[in-house]
Amino acid sequence: MKIDGYTLGSITINRKIYQKGIIVFPEKVLPNWIRIKSNSLELGDIKEIIANNPETLIIGTGAYGSITVPSSTRNALSKRRIKVIAENTKNACALFNEHIKNNIKTVGAFHLTC
């Protein structure tokens, strides 16, 4: 899975354009990702990611970094030995591609707007 590009409100993966939040696994895409709390990443938002047990979870926090990752979410992921990287979505996309290229078991959760 490769992210071809990101612009505010739009992400392109394997030449397909998505315009709502998205979760990207190495082998599949889950479109239309919506969080329980609009601008916060809660454990309930990432159940399928946790079940996949990645080495790394890369979170695209939006173009301007509006999504927060509470310490409770970070701590729960750390206990499961899942490394968390939270960056604005543009940087997160680049990091996701780098991790995949280097065969690091990675999942990306990307907020596409603010």
PDB file of N, CA and C in Angstrom:
ATOM      1  N   MET A   1       0.859  -1.170   0.000  1.00  0.00           N
ATOM      2  CA  MET A   1       0.000   0.000   0.000  1.00  0.00           C
ATOM      3  C   MET A   1       0.900   1.225   0.000  1.00  0.00           C
ATOM      4  N   LYS A   2       0.608   2.167  -0.884  1.00  0.00           N
ATOM      5  CA  LYS A   2       1.410   3.377  -0.969  1.00  0.00           C
ATOM      6  C   LYS A   2       0.483   4.584  -1.067  1.00  0.00           C
ATOM      7  N   ILE A   3       0.828   5.599  -0.290  1.00  0.00           N
ATOM      8  CA  ILE A   3       0.096   6.854  -0.387  1.00  0.00           C
ATOM      9  C   ILE A   3       0.749   7.667  -1.500  1.00  0.00           C
ATOM     10  N   ASP A   4      -0.036   7.960  -2.511  1.00  0.00           N
ATOM     11  CA  ASP A   4       0.478   8.696  -3.665  1.00  0.00           C
ATOM     12  C   ASP A   4       0.537  10.199  -3.410  1.00  0.00           C
ATOM     13  N   GLY A   5      -0.385  10.702  -2.595  1.00  0.00           N
ATOM     14  CA  GLY A   5      -0.384  12.133  -2.335  1.00  0.00           C
ATOM     15  C   GLY A   5      -1.456  12.550  -1.348  1.00  0.00           C
ATOM     16  N   TYR A   6      -1.264  13.720  -0.773  1.00  0.00           N
ATOM     17  CA  TYR A   6      -2.226  14.294   0.169  1.00  0.00           C
ATOM     18  C   TYR A   6      -2.321  15.789  -0.082  1.00  0.00           C
ATOM     19  N   THR A   7      -3.534  16.286  -0.111  1.00  0.00           N
ATOM     20  CA  THR A   7      -3.818  17.712  -0.067  1.00  0.00           C
ATOM     21  C   THR A   7      -4.978  17.880   0.903  1.00  0.00           C
ATOM     22  N   LEU A   8      -5.178  19.070   1.389  1.00  0.00           N
ATOM     23  CA  LEU A   8      -6.245  19.329   2.355  1.00  0.00           C
ATOM     24  C   LEU A   8      -7.567  18.725   1.869  1.00  0.00           C
ATOM     25  N   GLY A   9      -8.083  17.760   2.621  1.00  0.00           N
ATOM     26  CA  GLY A   9      -9.372  17.144   2.316  1.00  0.00           C
ATOM     27  C   GLY A   9      -9.332  15.971   1.360  1.00  0.00           C
ATOM     28  N   SER A  10      -8.140  15.549   0.931  1.00  0.00           N
ATOM     29  CA  SER A  10      -8.061  14.493  -0.070  1.00  0.00           C
ATOM     30  C   SER A  10      -6.750  13.711   0.057  1.00  0.00           C
ATOM     31  N   ILE A  11      -6.855  12.397  -0.024  1.00  0.00           N
ATOM     32  CA  ILE A  11      -5.676  11.542  -0.009  1.00  0.00           C
ATOM     33  C   ILE A  11      -5.812  10.545  -1.159  1.00  0.00           C
ATOM     34  N   THR A  12      -4.710  10.281  -1.827  1.00  0.00           N
ATOM     35  CA  THR A  12      -4.713   9.345  -2.948  1.00  0.00           C
ATOM     36  C   THR A  12      -3.839   8.152  -2.581  1.00  0.00           C
ATOM     37  N   ILE A  13      -4.432   6.968  -2.700  1.00  0.00           N
ATOM     38  CA  ILE A  13      -3.741   5.725  -2.372  1.00  0.00           C
ATOM     39  C   ILE A  13      -3.929   4.768  -3.533  1.00  0.00           C
ATOM     40  N   ASN A  14      -2.818   4.300  -4.066  1.00  0.00           N
ATOM     41  CA  ASN A  14      -2.869   3.417  -5.238  1.00  0.00           C
ATOM     42  C   ASN A  14      -3.788   3.985  -6.315  1.00  0.00           C
ATOM     43  N   ARG A  15      -3.653   5.277  -6.555  1.00  0.00           N
ATOM     44  CA  ARG A  15      -4.370   6.037  -7.588  1.00  0.00           C
ATOM     45  C   ARG A  15      -5.867   6.208  -7.309  1.00  0.00           C
ATOM     46  N   LYS A  16      -6.340   5.828  -6.127  1.00  0.00           N
ATOM     47  CA  LYS A  16      -7.742   6.047  -5.767  1.00  0.00           C
ATOM     48  C   LYS A  16      -7.813   7.211  -4.788  1.00  0.00           C
ATOM     49  N   ILE A  17      -8.760   8.120  -5.021  1.00  0.00           N
ATOM     50  CA  ILE A  17      -8.895   9.321  -4.198  1.00  0.00           C
ATOM     51  C   ILE A  17      -9.946   9.088  -3.109  1.00  0.00           C
ATOM     52  N   TYR A  18      -9.584   9.446  -1.877  1.00  0.00           N
ATOM     53  CA  TYR A  18     -10.496   9.386  -0.725  1.00  0.00           C
ATOM     54  C   TYR A  18     -10.629  10.798  -0.175  1.00  0.00           C
ATOM     55  N   GLN A  19     -11.850  11.135   0.275  1.00  0.00           N
ATOM     56  CA  GLN A  19     -12.076  12.490   0.753  1.00  0.00           C
ATOM     57  C   GLN A  19     -12.649  12.554   2.158  1.00  0.00           C
ATOM     58  N   LYS A  20     -12.580  11.450   2.872  1.00  0.00           N
ATOM     59  CA  LYS A  20     -12.960  11.408   4.290  1.00  0.00           C
ATOM     60  C   LYS A  20     -11.855  10.686   5.031  1.00  0.00           C
ATOM     61  N   GLY A  21     -11.849  10.823   6.357  1.00  0.00           N
ATOM     62  CA  GLY A  21     -10.837  10.155   7.159  1.00  0.00           C
ATOM     63  C   GLY A  21     -10.668   8.694   6.744  1.00  0.00           C
ATOM     64  N   ILE A  22      -9.471   8.173   6.965  1.00  0.00           N
ATOM     65  CA  ILE A  22      -9.145   6.859   6.422  1.00  0.00           C
ATOM     66  C   ILE A  22      -8.140   6.140   7.317  1.00  0.00           C
ATOM     67  N   ILE A  23      -8.275   4.826   7.367  1.00  0.00           N
ATOM     68  CA  ILE A  23      -7.282   3.988   8.029  1.00  0.00           C
ATOM     69  C   ILE A  23      -6.635   3.137   6.947  1.00  0.00           C
ATOM     70  N   VAL A  24      -5.307   3.123   6.949  1.00  0.00           N
ATOM     71  CA  VAL A  24      -4.564   2.405   5.910  1.00  0.00           C
ATOM     72  C   VAL A  24      -3.720   1.315   6.565  1.00  0.00           C
ATOM     73  N   PHE A  25      -4.048   0.084   6.223  1.00  0.00           N
ATOM     74  CA  PHE A  25      -3.268  -1.083   6.630  1.00  0.00           C
ATOM     75  C   PHE A  25      -2.317  -1.417   5.482  1.00  0.00           C
ATOM     76  N   PRO A  26      -1.300  -2.214   5.720  1.00  0.00           N
ATOM     77  CA  PRO A  26      -0.411  -2.581   4.618  1.00  0.00           C
ATOM     78  C   PRO A  26      -1.135  -3.258   3.448  1.00  0.00           C
ATOM     79  N   GLU A  27      -2.252  -3.938   3.738  1.00  0.00           N
ATOM     80  CA  GLU A  27      -2.930  -4.717   2.696  1.00  0.00           C
ATOM     81  C   GLU A  27      -4.335  -4.232   2.350  1.00  0.00           C
ATOM     82  N   LYS A  28      -4.850  -3.222   3.080  1.00  0.00           N
ATOM     83  CA  LYS A  28      -6.209  -2.758   2.789  1.00  0.00           C
ATOM     84  C   LYS A  28      -6.413  -1.339   3.292  1.00  0.00           C
ATOM     85  N   VAL A  29      -7.506  -0.748   2.814  1.00  0.00           N
ATOM     86  CA  VAL A  29      -7.896   0.602   3.204  1.00  0.00           C
ATOM     87  C   VAL A  29      -9.295   0.550   3.807  1.00  0.00           C
ATOM     88  N   LEU A  30      -9.477   1.215   4.941  1.00  0.00           N
ATOM     89  CA  LEU A  30     -10.808   1.383   5.535  1.00  0.00           C
ATOM     90  C   LEU A  30     -11.197   2.853   5.368  1.00  0.00           C
ATOM     91  N   PRO A  31     -12.076   3.143   4.403  1.00  0.00           N
ATOM     92  CA  PRO A  31     -12.458   4.537   4.158  1.00  0.00           C
ATOM     93  C   PRO A  31     -13.518   5.016   5.146  1.00  0.00           C
ATOM     94  N   ASN A  32     -13.771   6.311   5.101  1.00  0.00           N
ATOM     95  CA  ASN A  32     -14.847   6.944   5.883  1.00  0.00           C
ATOM     96  C   ASN A  32     -14.681   6.756   7.388  1.00  0.00           C
ATOM     97  N   TRP A  33     -13.468   6.899   7.868  1.00  0.00           N
ATOM     98  CA  TRP A  33     -13.159   6.763   9.293  1.00  0.00           C
ATOM     99  C   TRP A  33     -13.657   7.986  10.042  1.00  0.00           C
ATOM    100  N   ILE A  34     -14.466   7.742  11.063  1.00  0.00           N
ATOM    101  CA  ILE A  34     -15.003   8.815  11.894  1.00  0.00           C
ATOM    102  C   ILE A  34     -14.651   8.517  13.344  1.00  0.00           C
ATOM    103  N   ARG A  35     -14.192   9.536  14.059  1.00  0.00           N
ATOM    104  CA  ARG A  35     -13.828   9.370  15.458  1.00  0.00           C
ATOM    105  C   ARG A  35     -15.021   9.626  16.381  1.00  0.00           C
ATOM    106  N   ILE A  36     -14.971   9.016  17.544  1.00  0.00           N
ATOM    107  CA  ILE A  36     -16.018   9.188  18.552  1.00  0.00           C
ATOM    108  C   ILE A  36     -16.113  10.662  18.957  1.00  0.00           C
ATOM    109  N   LYS A  37     -14.972  11.247  19.282  1.00  0.00           N
ATOM    110  CA  LYS A  37     -14.889  12.676  19.591  1.00  0.00           C
ATOM    111  C   LYS A  37     -14.187  13.327  18.408  1.00  0.00           C
ATOM    112  N   SER A  38     -14.763  14.340  17.891  1.00  0.00           N
ATOM    113  CA  SER A  38     -14.307  14.942  16.643  1.00  0.00           C
ATOM    114  C   SER A  38     -12.794  15.172  16.571  1.00  0.00           C
ATOM    115  N   ASN A  39     -12.213  15.802  17.574  1.00  0.00           N
ATOM    116  CA  ASN A  39     -10.802  16.178  17.489  1.00  0.00           C
ATOM    117  C   ASN A  39      -9.912  15.471  18.509  1.00  0.00           C
ATOM    118  N   SER A  40     -10.284  14.251  18.875  1.00  0.00           N
ATOM    119  CA  SER A  40      -9.495  13.480  19.821  1.00  0.00           C
ATOM    120  C   SER A  40      -9.490  12.018  19.378  1.00  0.00           C
ATOM    121  N   LEU A  41      -8.364  11.362  19.513  1.00  0.00           N
ATOM    122  CA  LEU A  41      -8.257   9.954  19.137  1.00  0.00           C
ATOM    123  C   LEU A  41      -8.451   9.091  20.380  1.00  0.00           C
ATOM    124  N   GLU A  42      -9.572   8.392  20.423  1.00  0.00           N
ATOM    125  CA  GLU A  42      -9.901   7.527  21.558  1.00  0.00           C
ATOM    126  C   GLU A  42      -9.655   6.069  21.172  1.00  0.00           C
ATOM    127  N   LEU A  43      -9.499   5.206  22.168  1.00  0.00           N
ATOM    128  CA  LEU A  43      -9.267   3.782  21.881  1.00  0.00           C
ATOM    129  C   LEU A  43     -10.388   3.175  21.054  1.00  0.00           C
ATOM    130  N   GLY A  44     -11.607   3.607  21.278  1.00  0.00           N
ATOM    131  CA  GLY A  44     -12.738   3.092  20.509  1.00  0.00           C
ATOM    132  C   GLY A  44     -12.652   3.409  19.026  1.00  0.00           C
ATOM    133  N   ASP A  45     -11.853   4.413  18.677  1.00  0.00           N
ATOM    134  CA  ASP A  45     -11.684   4.802  17.282  1.00  0.00           C
ATOM    135  C   ASP A  45     -10.751   3.862  16.519  1.00  0.00           C
ATOM    136  N   ILE A  46      -9.957   3.104  17.257  1.00  0.00           N
ATOM    137  CA  ILE A  46      -8.882   2.337  16.617  1.00  0.00           C
ATOM    138  C   ILE A  46      -8.896   0.852  17.003  1.00  0.00           C
ATOM    139  N   LYS A  47     -10.064   0.326  17.319  1.00  0.00           N
ATOM    140  CA  LYS A  47     -10.174  -1.086  17.715  1.00  0.00           C
ATOM    141  C   LYS A  47      -9.580  -2.027  16.665  1.00  0.00           C
ATOM    142  N   GLU A  48      -9.902  -1.778  15.406  1.00  0.00           N
ATOM    143  CA  GLU A  48      -9.412  -2.660  14.346  1.00  0.00           C
ATOM    144  C   GLU A  48      -7.893  -2.536  14.184  1.00  0.00           C
ATOM    145  N   ILE A  49      -7.375  -1.351  14.429  1.00  0.00           N
ATOM    146  CA  ILE A  49      -5.921  -1.165  14.375  1.00  0.00           C
ATOM    147  C   ILE A  49      -5.258  -1.974  15.483  1.00  0.00           C
ATOM    148  N   ILE A  50      -5.788  -1.878  16.689  1.00  0.00           N
ATOM    149  CA  ILE A  50      -5.227  -2.609  17.825  1.00  0.00           C
ATOM    150  C   ILE A  50      -5.271  -4.109  17.557  1.00  0.00           C
ATOM    151  N   ALA A  51      -6.374  -4.595  17.004  1.00  0.00           N
ATOM    152  CA  ALA A  51      -6.506  -6.018  16.689  1.00  0.00           C
ATOM    153  C   ALA A  51      -5.469  -6.464  15.655  1.00  0.00           C
ATOM    154  N   ASN A  52      -5.043  -5.554  14.797  1.00  0.00           N
ATOM    155  CA  ASN A  52      -4.033  -5.859  13.778  1.00  0.00           C
ATOM    156  C   ASN A  52      -2.632  -5.944  14.373  1.00  0.00           C
ATOM    157  N   ASN A  53      -2.452  -5.381  15.570  1.00  0.00           N
ATOM    158  CA  ASN A  53      -1.190  -5.413  16.317  1.00  0.00           C
ATOM    159  C   ASN A  53       0.019  -4.929  15.506  1.00  0.00           C
ATOM    160  N   PRO A  54      -0.033  -3.699  15.003  1.00  0.00           N
ATOM    161  CA  PRO A  54       1.109  -3.185  14.248  1.00  0.00           C
ATOM    162  C   PRO A  54       2.277  -2.855  15.178  1.00  0.00           C
ATOM    163  N   GLU A  55       3.458  -2.737  14.597  1.00  0.00           N
ATOM    164  CA  GLU A  55       4.603  -2.239  15.369  1.00  0.00           C
ATOM    165  C   GLU A  55       4.421  -0.746  15.612  1.00  0.00           C
ATOM    166  N   THR A  56       3.894  -0.053  14.590  1.00  0.00           N
ATOM    167  CA  THR A  56       3.767   1.401  14.642  1.00  0.00           C
ATOM    168  C   THR A  56       2.394   1.833  14.150  1.00  0.00           C
ATOM    169  N   LEU A  57       1.831   2.810  14.839  1.00  0.00           N
ATOM    170  CA  LEU A  57       0.620   3.490  14.392  1.00  0.00           C
ATOM    171  C   LEU A  57       1.010   4.924  14.075  1.00  0.00           C
ATOM    172  N   ILE A  58       0.831   5.300  12.823  1.00  0.00           N
ATOM    173  CA  ILE A  58       1.106   6.672  12.414  1.00  0.00           C
ATOM    174  C   ILE A  58      -0.231   7.392  12.282  1.00  0.00           C
ATOM    175  N   ILE A  59      -0.346   8.492  13.004  1.00  0.00           N
ATOM    176  CA  ILE A  59      -1.591   9.249  13.035  1.00  0.00           C
ATOM    177  C   ILE A  59      -1.391  10.567  12.299  1.00  0.00           C
ATOM    178  N   GLY A  60      -2.185  10.768  11.265  1.00  0.00           N
ATOM    179  CA  GLY A  60      -2.208  12.046  10.569  1.00  0.00           C
ATOM    180  C   GLY A  60      -3.215  12.928  11.275  1.00  0.00           C
ATOM    181  N   THR A  61      -2.743  13.955  11.938  1.00  0.00           N
ATOM    182  CA  THR A  61      -3.591  14.771  12.813  1.00  0.00           C
ATOM    183  C   THR A  61      -4.311  15.905  12.092  1.00  0.00           C
ATOM    184  N   GLY A  62      -4.276  15.892  10.758  1.00  0.00           N
ATOM    185  CA  GLY A  62      -4.919  16.938   9.968  1.00  0.00           C
ATOM    186  C   GLY A  62      -3.883  17.899   9.418  1.00  0.00           C
ATOM    187  N   ALA A  63      -4.295  18.717   8.501  1.00  0.00           N
ATOM    188  CA  ALA A  63      -3.373  19.667   7.864  1.00  0.00           C
ATOM    189  C   ALA A  63      -2.751  20.611   8.886  1.00  0.00           C
ATOM    190  N   TYR A  64      -3.523  20.969   9.910  1.00  0.00           N
ATOM    191  CA  TYR A  64      -3.046  21.916  10.914  1.00  0.00           C
ATOM    192  C   TYR A  64      -2.880  21.273  12.283  1.00  0.00           C
ATOM    193  N   GLY A  65      -2.924  19.950  12.325  1.00  0.00           N
ATOM    194  CA  GLY A  65      -2.689  19.230  13.577  1.00  0.00           C
ATOM    195  C   GLY A  65      -3.812  19.331  14.584  1.00  0.00           C
ATOM    196  N   SER A  66      -5.051  19.350  14.125  1.00  0.00           N
ATOM    197  CA  SER A  66      -6.186  19.568  15.038  1.00  0.00           C
ATOM    198  C   SER A  66      -6.568  18.343  15.876  1.00  0.00           C
ATOM    199  N   ILE A  67      -6.156  17.156  15.471  1.00  0.00           N
ATOM    200  CA  ILE A  67      -6.486  15.950  16.239  1.00  0.00           C
ATOM    201  C   ILE A  67      -5.463  15.760  17.352  1.00  0.00           C
ATOM    202  N   THR A  68      -5.942  15.533  18.559  1.00  0.00           N
ATOM    203  CA  THR A  68      -5.050  15.258  19.681  1.00  0.00           C
ATOM    204  C   THR A  68      -5.084  13.769  20.006  1.00  0.00           C
ATOM    205  N   VAL A  69      -3.999  13.306  20.604  1.00  0.00           N
ATOM    206  CA  VAL A  69      -3.916  11.922  21.059  1.00  0.00           C
ATOM    207  C   VAL A  69      -3.714  11.972  22.565  1.00  0.00           C
ATOM    208  N   PRO A  70      -4.786  11.735  23.328  1.00  0.00           N
ATOM    209  CA  PRO A  70      -4.690  11.828  24.785  1.00  0.00           C
ATOM    210  C   PRO A  70      -3.668  10.847  25.358  1.00  0.00           C
ATOM    211  N   SER A  71      -3.132  11.193  26.506  1.00  0.00           N
ATOM    212  CA  SER A  71      -2.146  10.316  27.154  1.00  0.00           C
ATOM    213  C   SER A  71      -2.747   8.948  27.459  1.00  0.00           C
ATOM    214  N   SER A  72      -4.045   8.876  27.734  1.00  0.00           N
ATOM    215  CA  SER A  72      -4.679   7.575  28.007  1.00  0.00           C
ATOM    216  C   SER A  72      -4.612   6.668  26.780  1.00  0.00           C
ATOM    217  N   THR A  73      -4.790   7.241  25.596  1.00  0.00           N
ATOM    218  CA  THR A  73      -4.683   6.462  24.359  1.00  0.00           C
ATOM    219  C   THR A  73      -3.245   6.063  24.116  1.00  0.00           C
ATOM    220  N   ARG A  74      -2.326   6.993  24.278  1.00  0.00           N
ATOM    221  CA  ARG A  74      -0.899   6.691  24.094  1.00  0.00           C
ATOM    222  C   ARG A  74      -0.444   5.594  25.057  1.00  0.00           C
ATOM    223  N   ASN A  75      -0.850   5.701  26.323  1.00  0.00           N
ATOM    224  CA  ASN A  75      -0.445   4.713  27.328  1.00  0.00           C
ATOM    225  C   ASN A  75      -0.997   3.327  27.013  1.00  0.00           C
ATOM    226  N   ALA A  76      -2.252   3.255  26.592  1.00  0.00           N
ATOM    227  CA  ALA A  76      -2.860   1.963  26.255  1.00  0.00           C
ATOM    228  C   ALA A  76      -2.136   1.321  25.072  1.00  0.00           C
ATOM    229  N   LEU A  77      -1.762   2.117  24.088  1.00  0.00           N
ATOM    230  CA  LEU A  77      -1.027   1.587  22.931  1.00  0.00           C
ATOM    231  C   LEU A  77       0.384   1.171  23.330  1.00  0.00           C
ATOM    232  N   SER A  78       1.009   1.942  24.187  1.00  0.00           N
ATOM    233  CA  SER A  78       2.350   1.607  24.667  1.00  0.00           C
ATOM    234  C   SER A  78       2.349   0.262  25.413  1.00  0.00           C
ATOM    235  N   LYS A  79       1.321   0.035  26.204  1.00  0.00           N
ATOM    236  CA  LYS A  79       1.208  -1.252  26.920  1.00  0.00           C
ATOM    237  C   LYS A  79       1.089  -2.420  25.951  1.00  0.00           C
ATOM    238  N   ARG A  80       0.573  -2.159  24.776  1.00  0.00           N
ATOM    239  CA  ARG A  80       0.454  -3.192  23.736  1.00  0.00           C
ATOM    240  C   ARG A  80       1.685  -3.214  22.830  1.00  0.00           C
ATOM    241  N   ARG A  81       2.686  -2.428  23.204  1.00  0.00           N
ATOM    242  CA  ARG A  81       3.944  -2.310  22.446  1.00  0.00           C
ATOM    243  C   ARG A  81       3.723  -1.806  21.018  1.00  0.00           C
ATOM    244  N   ILE A  82       2.788  -0.875  20.886  1.00  0.00           N
ATOM    245  CA  ILE A  82       2.540  -0.214  19.607  1.00  0.00           C
ATOM    246  C   ILE A  82       3.095   1.199  19.710  1.00  0.00           C
ATOM    247  N   LYS A  83       4.103   1.487  18.890  1.00  0.00           N
ATOM    248  CA  LYS A  83       4.704   2.814  18.865  1.00  0.00           C
ATOM    249  C   LYS A  83       3.733   3.779  18.185  1.00  0.00           C
ATOM    250  N   VAL A  84       3.579   4.966  18.760  1.00  0.00           N
ATOM    251  CA  VAL A  84       2.671   5.974  18.217  1.00  0.00           C
ATOM    252  C   VAL A  84       3.468   7.165  17.690  1.00  0.00           C
ATOM    253  N   ILE A  85       3.190   7.512  16.452  1.00  0.00           N
ATOM    254  CA  ILE A  85       3.759   8.719  15.855  1.00  0.00           C
ATOM    255  C   ILE A  85       2.584   9.573  15.394  1.00  0.00           C
ATOM    256  N   ALA A  86       2.478  10.788  15.928  1.00  0.00           N
ATOM    257  CA  ALA A  86       1.403  11.706  15.543  1.00  0.00           C
ATOM    258  C   ALA A  86       2.029  12.943  14.914  1.00  0.00           C
ATOM    259  N   GLU A  87       1.679  13.194  13.657  1.00  0.00           N
ATOM    260  CA  GLU A  87       2.217  14.320  12.891  1.00  0.00           C
ATOM    261  C   GLU A  87       1.092  14.922  12.056  1.00  0.00           C
ATOM    262  N   ASN A  88       1.318  16.131  11.552  1.00  0.00           N
ATOM    263  CA  ASN A  88       0.323  16.652  10.626  1.00  0.00           C
ATOM    264  C   ASN A  88       0.220  15.654   9.469  1.00  0.00           C
ATOM    265  N   THR A  89      -0.897  15.655   8.793  1.00  0.00           N
ATOM    266  CA  THR A  89      -1.179  14.585   7.828  1.00  0.00           C
ATOM    267  C   THR A  89      -0.167  14.526   6.688  1.00  0.00           C
ATOM    268  N   LYS A  90       0.307  15.641   6.224  1.00  0.00           N
ATOM    269  CA  LYS A  90       1.306  15.615   5.146  1.00  0.00           C
ATOM    270  C   LYS A  90       2.554  14.858   5.584  1.00  0.00           C
ATOM    271  N   ASN A  91       3.080  15.186   6.754  1.00  0.00           N
ATOM    272  CA  ASN A  91       4.269  14.495   7.269  1.00  0.00           C
ATOM    273  C   ASN A  91       3.962  13.037   7.586  1.00  0.00           C
ATOM    274  N   ALA A  92       2.777  12.784   8.120  1.00  0.00           N
ATOM    275  CA  ALA A  92       2.392  11.418   8.478  1.00  0.00           C
ATOM    276  C   ALA A  92       2.343  10.521   7.239  1.00  0.00           C
ATOM    277  N   CYS A  93       1.866  11.059   6.127  1.00  0.00           N
ATOM    278  CA  CYS A  93       1.820  10.278   4.878  1.00  0.00           C
ATOM    279  C   CYS A  93       3.229   9.879   4.443  1.00  0.00           C
ATOM    280  N   ALA A  94       4.160  10.808   4.500  1.00  0.00           N
ATOM    281  CA  ALA A  94       5.549  10.518   4.124  1.00  0.00           C
ATOM    282  C   ALA A  94       6.142   9.462   5.058  1.00  0.00           C
ATOM    283  N   LEU A  95       5.882   9.589   6.351  1.00  0.00           N
ATOM    284  CA  LEU A  95       6.389   8.609   7.314  1.00  0.00           C
ATOM    285  C   LEU A  95       5.776   7.228   7.075  1.00  0.00           C
ATOM    286  N   PHE A  96       4.488   7.191   6.772  1.00  0.00           N
ATOM    287  CA  PHE A  96       3.829   5.920   6.493  1.00  0.00           C
ATOM    288  C   PHE A  96       4.517   5.224   5.315  1.00  0.00           C
ATOM    289  N   ASN A  97       4.718   5.948   4.235  1.00  0.00           N
ATOM    290  CA  ASN A  97       5.369   5.359   3.059  1.00  0.00           C
ATOM    291  C   ASN A  97       6.773   4.859   3.396  1.00  0.00           C
ATOM    292  N   GLU A  98       7.503   5.612   4.192  1.00  0.00           N
ATOM    293  CA  GLU A  98       8.857   5.217   4.589  1.00  0.00           C
ATOM    294  C   GLU A  98       8.827   3.920   5.406  1.00  0.00           C
ATOM    295  N   HIS A  99       7.892   3.849   6.358  1.00  0.00           N
ATOM    296  CA  HIS A  99       7.780   2.646   7.184  1.00  0.00           C
ATOM    297  C   HIS A  99       7.425   1.422   6.333  1.00  0.00           C
ATOM    298  N   ILE A 100       6.475   1.579   5.438  1.00  0.00           N
ATOM    299  CA  ILE A 100       6.071   0.468   4.577  1.00  0.00           C
ATOM    300  C   ILE A 100       7.250   0.031   3.695  1.00  0.00           C
ATOM    301  N   LYS A 101       7.954   0.995   3.139  1.00  0.00           N
ATOM    302  CA  LYS A 101       9.120   0.699   2.293  1.00  0.00           C
ATOM    303  C   LYS A 101      10.166  -0.102   3.068  1.00  0.00           C
ATOM    304  N   ASN A 102      10.304   0.196   4.367  1.00  0.00           N
ATOM    305  CA  ASN A 102      11.290  -0.475   5.213  1.00  0.00           C
ATOM    306  C   ASN A 102      10.726  -1.716   5.913  1.00  0.00           C
ATOM    307  N   ASN A 103       9.562  -2.172   5.448  1.00  0.00           N
ATOM    308  CA  ASN A 103       8.931  -3.399   5.975  1.00  0.00           C
ATOM    309  C   ASN A 103       8.663  -3.359   7.480  1.00  0.00           C
ATOM    310  N   ILE A 104       8.289  -2.184   7.968  1.00  0.00           N
ATOM    311  CA  ILE A 104       7.869  -2.046   9.363  1.00  0.00           C
ATOM    312  C   ILE A 104       6.358  -2.204   9.373  1.00  0.00           C
ATOM    313  N   LYS A 105       5.853  -3.128  10.192  1.00  0.00           N
ATOM    314  CA  LYS A 105       4.408  -3.375  10.243  1.00  0.00           C
ATOM    315  C   LYS A 105       3.725  -2.121  10.796  1.00  0.00           C
ATOM    316  N   THR A 106       3.121  -1.373   9.888  1.00  0.00           N
ATOM    317  CA  THR A 106       2.597  -0.047  10.218  1.00  0.00           C
ATOM    318  C   THR A 106       1.165   0.104   9.737  1.00  0.00           C
ATOM    319  N   VAL A 107       0.378   0.807  10.552  1.00  0.00           N
ATOM    320  CA  VAL A 107      -0.973   1.206  10.155  1.00  0.00           C
ATOM    321  C   VAL A 107      -1.030   2.721  10.272  1.00  0.00           C
ATOM    322  N   GLY A 108      -1.733   3.348   9.347  1.00  0.00           N
ATOM    323  CA  GLY A 108      -1.907   4.789   9.385  1.00  0.00           C
ATOM    324  C   GLY A 108      -3.369   5.157   9.554  1.00  0.00           C
ATOM    325  N   ALA A 109      -3.632   6.130  10.414  1.00  0.00           N
ATOM    326  CA  ALA A 109      -4.973   6.670  10.607  1.00  0.00           C
ATOM    327  C   ALA A 109      -4.879   8.163  10.282  1.00  0.00           C
ATOM    328  N   PHE A 110      -5.597   8.580   9.234  1.00  0.00           N
ATOM    329  CA  PHE A 110      -5.389   9.927   8.705  1.00  0.00           C
ATOM    330  C   PHE A 110      -6.654  10.764   8.722  1.00  0.00           C
ATOM    331  N   HIS A 111      -6.573  11.907   9.405  1.00  0.00           N
ATOM    332  CA  HIS A 111      -7.601  12.939   9.360  1.00  0.00           C
ATOM    333  C   HIS A 111      -7.221  13.840   8.193  1.00  0.00           C
ATOM    334  N   LEU A 112      -8.150  14.114   7.289  1.00  0.00           N
ATOM    335  CA  LEU A 112      -7.791  14.774   6.045  1.00  0.00           C
ATOM    336  C   LEU A 112      -8.005  16.277   6.001  1.00  0.00           C
ATOM    337  N   THR A 113      -8.763  16.804   6.941  1.00  0.00           N
ATOM    338  CA  THR A 113      -9.018  18.239   6.884  1.00  0.00           C
ATOM    339  C   THR A 113      -8.198  18.951   7.949  1.00  0.00           C
ATOM    340  N   CYS A 114      -8.807  19.812   8.693  1.00  0.00           N
ATOM    341  CA  CYS A 114      -8.132  20.703   9.652  1.00  0.00           C
ATOM    342  C   CYS A 114      -7.101  19.987  10.476  1.00  0.00           C
TER     343      CYS A 114
END
